[in-house]
Amino acid sequence: MSQLIRIAVLLTQTFQLDFQFPDNFRVGREDFGIDGIEYVTCFFEAPIERYLKKLNRSAAQHGVKNVLIMVDGEGSMVAKDKKVRRQAAINHRKWVDVAAYLGCHAIRCNAGGGGKTPQEDPDSLDRAADSFSALIEYAKESKINILIENHGGLSSYPHWLPNLMKKVNSPHFGILPDYGNYKQTPRADVYEAVRLAMPYAKGVSVKANWQMDGTHPQYDLEKLVKISVESGYTGFWGIESVLRRSKNKRTTDPDQAKADDWRAVRWTQSIIEKVVGIK
């Protein structure tokens, strides 16, 4: 079974070391034994053929799979203005094309532009279904899945994304559940939220905020991975991990920042390997 390290996100401290995407393949393979990479558009150098060929060469050289592209900043897919929504769907198309060129299976979108809560914005599901259905239709030809992450706003309410999946009802549509981004509600804590999302999951973001002593008090990380496995999930595991230093112990030393990030990744990776049984 495969695992995934989302280097573009999890190595936030070490971007001062000037890591570029092509070098991330080497880091993922040689330092962690990782066999997949997720991209993030805000760290993407240029969506032009010469650069994309360079990424594909680097991926092949290190035996790493291009998994998906996390798309940010391309408009509000749940906006009340239909023209705004449809323009956002059009804006995402180029990333569908880039994902297909790189051999990815999906792009990850956000569901921004809605109200503060599902109760305050009961029409949000209809609006989201409209714009995402248009994007799904475009992506079908390239066989690219359209995923939504619980990334704030309405999408972080545990029942909202599963309800949207039911409304759209497409095999090309899915959820990328992020363990750390759920709102606690009377009807669902983080564990129930992940259970609700997993039947529609086409990726998982194993987010972890580690303490210096190796503990993870925010939630039981091992329990969440078990819930995901028990749902029947067999895809890539996205590692998004940081080591939380107290304010008076934060480092400006690049080597120490890198060591902190590497340690956090390995702690999360060990949890996944323990539960999933990766050797």
Protein backbone atom coordinates (compact mmCIF):
# COMPACT_ATOMS: atom_id res chain seq x y z
CA MET A 1 0.00 0.00 0.00
CA SER A 2 1.23 3.48 -0.86
CA GLN A 3 1.78 6.50 1.28
CA LEU A 4 2.12 10.13 0.37
CA ILE A 5 4.10 13.05 1.70
CA ARG A 6 2.74 16.47 0.88
CA ILE A 7 6.08 18.24 0.85
CA ALA A 8 4.77 21.51 -0.50
CA VAL A 9 2.63 21.95 2.59
CA LEU A 10 4.35 20.17 5.42
CA LEU A 11 7.81 21.65 4.95
CA THR A 12 6.62 25.19 5.59
CA GLN A 13 9.53 26.06 7.88
CA THR A 14 12.10 24.77 5.43
CA PHE A 15 10.93 26.78 2.44
CA GLN A 16 13.60 29.21 3.59
CA LEU A 17 16.00 26.53 2.33
CA ASP A 18 14.68 27.21 -1.19
CA PHE A 19 13.27 23.76 -1.94
CA GLN A 20 11.78 23.50 -5.41
CA PHE A 21 9.30 20.88 -6.58
CA PRO A 22 11.82 18.87 -8.62
CA ASP A 23 14.00 18.51 -5.52
CA ASN A 24 11.02 17.36 -3.47
CA PHE A 25 10.95 14.07 -5.38
CA ARG A 26 14.48 13.32 -4.19
CA VAL A 27 13.68 14.37 -0.61
CA GLY A 28 10.50 12.30 -0.56
CA ARG A 29 12.15 9.17 -1.92
CA GLU A 30 15.58 9.32 -0.29
CA ASP A 31 14.75 10.82 3.11
CA PHE A 32 11.35 9.20 3.76
CA GLY A 33 10.82 6.38 1.25
CA ILE A 34 7.73 8.19 0.01
CA ASP A 35 6.23 7.15 -3.32
CA GLY A 36 3.79 9.99 -4.06
CA ILE A 37 3.74 13.78 -4.22
CA GLU A 38 0.90 16.27 -3.99
CA TYR A 39 1.29 19.72 -5.50
CA VAL A 40 -0.04 23.03 -4.20
CA THR A 41 -0.72 25.74 -6.76
CA CYS A 42 0.62 28.59 -4.62
CA PHE A 43 4.05 26.88 -4.72
CA PHE A 44 3.81 26.01 -8.42
CA GLU A 45 6.52 27.70 -10.47
CA ALA A 46 4.73 27.91 -13.83
CA PRO A 47 2.02 25.79 -15.53
CA ILE A 48 3.91 25.67 -18.83
CA GLU A 49 5.01 22.61 -20.79
CA ARG A 50 8.76 23.00 -20.21
CA TYR A 51 8.27 23.06 -16.43
CA LEU A 52 5.75 20.22 -16.49
CA LYS A 53 8.18 18.07 -18.45
CA LYS A 54 10.83 18.78 -15.83
CA LEU A 55 8.46 17.63 -13.08
CA ASN A 56 7.60 14.44 -14.95
CA ARG A 57 11.30 13.68 -15.53
CA SER A 58 12.12 14.19 -11.85
CA ALA A 59 9.19 12.05 -10.76
CA ALA A 60 10.24 9.22 -13.09
CA GLN A 61 13.88 9.49 -12.04
CA HIS A 62 13.02 8.94 -8.39
CA GLY A 63 10.13 6.54 -8.87
CA VAL A 64 7.59 8.94 -7.37
CA LYS A 65 3.93 9.23 -8.43
CA ASN A 66 2.29 12.59 -9.17
CA VAL A 67 -0.91 12.21 -7.13
CA LEU A 68 -2.98 15.38 -7.20
CA ILE A 69 -2.89 19.17 -7.32
CA MET A 70 -4.30 21.26 -4.47
CA VAL A 71 -5.85 24.34 -6.09
CA ASP A 72 -6.15 27.61 -4.18
CA GLY A 73 -7.08 31.14 -5.19
CA GLU A 74 -9.17 30.39 -8.27
CA GLY A 75 -12.49 31.86 -7.15
CA SER A 76 -15.55 31.12 -5.03
CA MET A 77 -17.30 27.94 -6.12
CA VAL A 78 -20.25 28.55 -3.74
CA ALA A 79 -20.75 32.28 -4.41
CA LYS A 80 -24.33 33.52 -4.56
CA ASP A 81 -23.68 35.18 -7.93
CA LYS A 82 -23.92 32.48 -10.62
CA LYS A 83 -21.49 34.33 -12.90
CA VAL A 84 -18.88 34.33 -10.14
CA ARG A 85 -19.40 30.62 -9.52
CA ARG A 86 -19.17 29.68 -13.18
CA GLN A 87 -16.06 31.82 -13.65
CA ALA A 88 -14.46 30.00 -10.69
CA ALA A 89 -15.25 26.68 -12.36
CA ILE A 90 -13.64 27.93 -15.58
CA ASN A 91 -10.59 29.14 -13.65
CA HIS A 92 -10.03 25.61 -12.34
CA ARG A 93 -9.96 24.07 -15.81
CA LYS A 94 -6.31 24.82 -16.46
CA TRP A 95 -5.39 22.82 -13.37
CA VAL A 96 -7.44 19.88 -14.63
CA ASP A 97 -5.34 20.01 -17.80
CA VAL A 98 -2.09 20.29 -15.83
CA ALA A 99 -3.10 17.38 -13.60
CA ALA A 100 -3.80 15.24 -16.65
CA TYR A 101 -0.40 16.10 -18.17
CA LEU A 102 1.35 15.12 -14.94
CA GLY A 103 -0.58 11.86 -14.61
CA CYS A 104 -2.39 12.91 -11.43
CA HIS A 105 -5.74 11.38 -10.56
CA ALA A 106 -7.39 14.52 -9.17
CA ILE A 107 -7.37 18.18 -8.29
CA ARG A 108 -8.41 19.39 -4.84
CA CYS A 109 -10.74 22.40 -4.75
CA ASN A 110 -12.12 24.61 -2.01
CA ALA A 111 -15.80 25.35 -1.38
CA GLY A 112 -15.58 29.04 -0.59
CA GLY A 113 -18.11 31.82 -0.97
CA GLY A 114 -20.94 30.46 1.13
CA GLY A 115 -22.46 31.65 4.39
CA LYS A 116 -21.02 31.19 7.85
CA THR A 117 -23.08 28.10 8.68
CA PRO A 118 -25.26 25.63 6.74
CA GLN A 119 -28.27 26.87 8.71
CA GLU A 120 -27.64 30.47 7.63
CA ASP A 121 -27.18 29.45 4.00
CA PRO A 122 -29.60 26.62 3.16
CA ASP A 123 -29.18 27.16 -0.60
CA SER A 124 -25.41 26.64 -0.49
CA LEU A 125 -25.62 22.97 -1.48
CA ASP A 126 -27.58 23.81 -4.64
CA ARG A 127 -25.09 26.51 -5.63
CA ALA A 128 -22.11 24.25 -4.96
CA ALA A 129 -23.71 21.42 -6.93
CA ASP A 130 -24.16 23.77 -9.89
CA SER A 131 -20.54 24.94 -10.12
CA PHE A 132 -18.89 21.65 -9.22
CA SER A 133 -21.06 19.72 -11.67
CA ALA A 134 -19.84 22.05 -14.42
CA LEU A 135 -16.22 21.42 -13.43
CA ILE A 136 -16.77 17.67 -13.18
CA GLU A 137 -18.21 17.65 -16.69
CA TYR A 138 -15.11 19.38 -18.03
CA ALA A 139 -12.76 17.02 -16.15
CA LYS A 140 -14.45 13.81 -17.32
CA GLU A 141 -12.67 13.74 -20.67
CA SER A 142 -9.28 13.85 -18.95
CA LYS A 143 -10.39 11.29 -16.33
CA ILE A 144 -9.51 13.70 -13.51
CA ASN A 145 -11.45 13.50 -10.25
CA ILE A 146 -12.68 16.66 -8.55
CA LEU A 147 -12.15 16.63 -4.79
CA ILE A 148 -13.10 19.09 -2.06
CA GLU A 149 -11.16 19.43 1.18
CA ASN A 150 -12.81 20.49 4.43
CA HIS A 151 -10.82 23.70 4.27
CA GLY A 152 -12.83 26.20 6.30
CA GLY A 153 -16.27 27.74 5.96
CA LEU A 154 -19.17 25.45 5.18
CA SER A 155 -16.88 22.61 4.09
CA SER A 156 -15.61 22.17 7.66
CA TYR A 157 -19.08 21.33 8.98
CA PRO A 158 -19.08 17.50 9.18
CA HIS A 159 -22.34 16.88 7.29
CA TRP A 160 -22.05 19.52 4.56
CA LEU A 161 -19.60 17.82 2.18
CA PRO A 162 -21.21 14.35 2.46
CA ASN A 163 -24.56 15.98 1.66
CA LEU A 164 -23.01 17.66 -1.38
CA MET A 165 -21.61 14.32 -2.55
CA LYS A 166 -25.08 12.80 -2.36
CA LYS A 167 -26.62 15.71 -4.25
CA VAL A 168 -24.13 15.63 -7.14
CA ASN A 169 -23.86 11.82 -7.13
CA SER A 170 -20.89 11.48 -9.47
CA PRO A 171 -18.14 8.82 -9.37
CA HIS A 172 -15.71 11.58 -10.38
CA PHE A 173 -16.49 13.66 -7.28
CA GLY A 174 -15.00 13.08 -3.83
CA ILE A 175 -13.77 14.41 -0.51
CA LEU A 176 -10.22 14.95 0.69
CA PRO A 177 -10.80 14.81 4.46
CA ASP A 178 -8.26 16.77 6.51
CA TYR A 179 -8.16 15.50 10.09
CA GLY A 180 -7.34 18.94 11.47
CA ASN A 181 -9.94 21.11 9.74
CA TYR A 182 -13.28 19.98 11.14
CA LYS A 183 -15.60 22.09 13.26
CA GLN A 184 -16.90 20.40 16.40
CA THR A 185 -20.71 20.28 16.38
CA PRO A 186 -23.27 18.75 18.75
CA ARG A 187 -23.90 16.07 16.13
CA ALA A 188 -20.31 15.17 15.27
CA ASP A 189 -16.83 15.35 16.75
CA VAL A 190 -13.72 14.90 14.58
CA TYR A 191 -13.99 11.10 14.71
CA GLU A 192 -17.60 11.08 13.54
CA ALA A 193 -16.77 13.73 10.92
CA VAL A 194 -14.09 11.48 9.40
CA ARG A 195 -16.47 8.50 9.46
CA LEU A 196 -19.03 10.55 7.53
CA ALA A 197 -16.45 11.67 4.94
CA MET A 198 -14.61 8.42 4.29
CA PRO A 199 -17.21 6.75 2.02
CA TYR A 200 -16.50 9.57 -0.44
CA ALA A 201 -12.75 9.91 0.19
CA LYS A 202 -10.37 9.83 -2.76
CA GLY A 203 -7.47 11.03 -0.62
CA VAL A 204 -6.70 11.67 3.05
CA SER A 205 -4.75 14.48 4.69
CA VAL A 206 -3.19 13.12 7.86
CA LYS A 207 -2.66 16.48 9.56
CA ALA A 208 -0.64 16.42 12.77
CA ASN A 209 0.49 19.17 15.13
CA TRP A 210 3.12 17.48 17.26
CA GLN A 211 4.40 18.73 20.60
CA MET A 212 8.14 18.74 21.29
CA ASP A 213 7.80 15.65 23.49
CA GLY A 214 6.24 13.62 20.67
CA THR A 215 2.67 13.81 21.96
CA HIS A 216 -0.36 14.84 19.92
CA PRO A 217 -3.05 16.18 22.31
CA GLN A 218 -5.33 17.74 19.66
CA TYR A 219 -6.86 14.37 18.73
CA ASP A 220 -6.01 10.67 18.64
CA LEU A 221 -4.16 10.41 15.33
CA GLU A 222 -3.94 6.63 15.41
CA LYS A 223 -7.70 6.36 15.97
CA LEU A 224 -8.42 8.57 12.94
CA VAL A 225 -6.15 6.52 10.69
CA LYS A 226 -7.91 3.36 11.93
CA ILE A 227 -11.30 4.89 11.10
CA SER A 228 -10.05 5.64 7.60
CA VAL A 229 -8.70 2.12 7.11
CA GLU A 230 -11.86 0.51 8.46
CA SER A 231 -13.87 2.45 5.87
CA GLY A 232 -12.07 0.49 3.15
CA TYR A 233 -9.78 3.30 2.06
CA THR A 234 -6.75 2.10 0.08
CA GLY A 235 -5.40 5.27 -1.55
CA PHE A 236 -2.49 7.58 -0.78
CA TRP A 237 -1.98 9.03 2.69
CA GLY A 238 -1.13 12.72 2.72
CA ILE A 239 1.26 13.72 5.51
CA GLU A 240 0.85 17.32 6.65
CA SER A 241 2.81 17.60 9.88
CA VAL A 242 4.53 20.25 11.95
CA LEU A 243 6.40 20.34 15.24
CA ARG A 244 4.96 23.02 17.52
CA ARG A 245 7.57 24.92 19.49
CA SER A 246 6.53 27.34 22.21
CA LYS A 247 7.07 31.02 21.33
CA ASN A 248 10.22 31.31 23.40
CA LYS A 249 11.72 28.18 21.79
CA ARG A 250 11.07 28.93 18.12
CA THR A 251 14.13 28.61 15.94
CA THR A 252 15.50 30.77 13.15
CA ASP A 253 18.21 28.23 12.35
CA PRO A 254 17.44 26.63 8.94
CA ASP A 255 19.07 23.34 9.90
CA GLN A 256 17.02 23.11 13.10
CA ALA A 257 13.83 24.04 11.26
CA LYS A 258 14.50 21.26 8.76
CA ALA A 259 15.23 18.80 11.59
CA ASP A 260 11.91 19.73 13.24
CA ASP A 261 9.95 19.22 10.03
CA TRP A 262 11.66 15.91 9.29
CA ARG A 263 10.95 14.64 12.80
CA ALA A 264 7.27 15.59 12.54
CA VAL A 265 6.94 13.81 9.21
CA ARG A 266 8.55 10.65 10.55
CA TRP A 267 6.32 10.59 13.64
CA THR A 268 3.21 10.84 11.43
CA GLN A 269 4.60 8.32 8.96
CA SER A 270 5.20 5.84 11.77
CA ILE A 271 1.54 6.08 12.87
CA ILE A 272 0.35 5.38 9.32
CA GLU A 273 2.73 2.47 8.92
CA LYS A 274 1.67 1.00 12.26
CA VAL A 275 -2.04 1.12 11.44
CA VAL A 276 -1.96 0.37 7.73
CA GLY A 277 0.85 -2.14 7.89
CA ILE A 278 3.18 -0.49 5.35
CA LYS A 279 6.61 -2.10 5.29
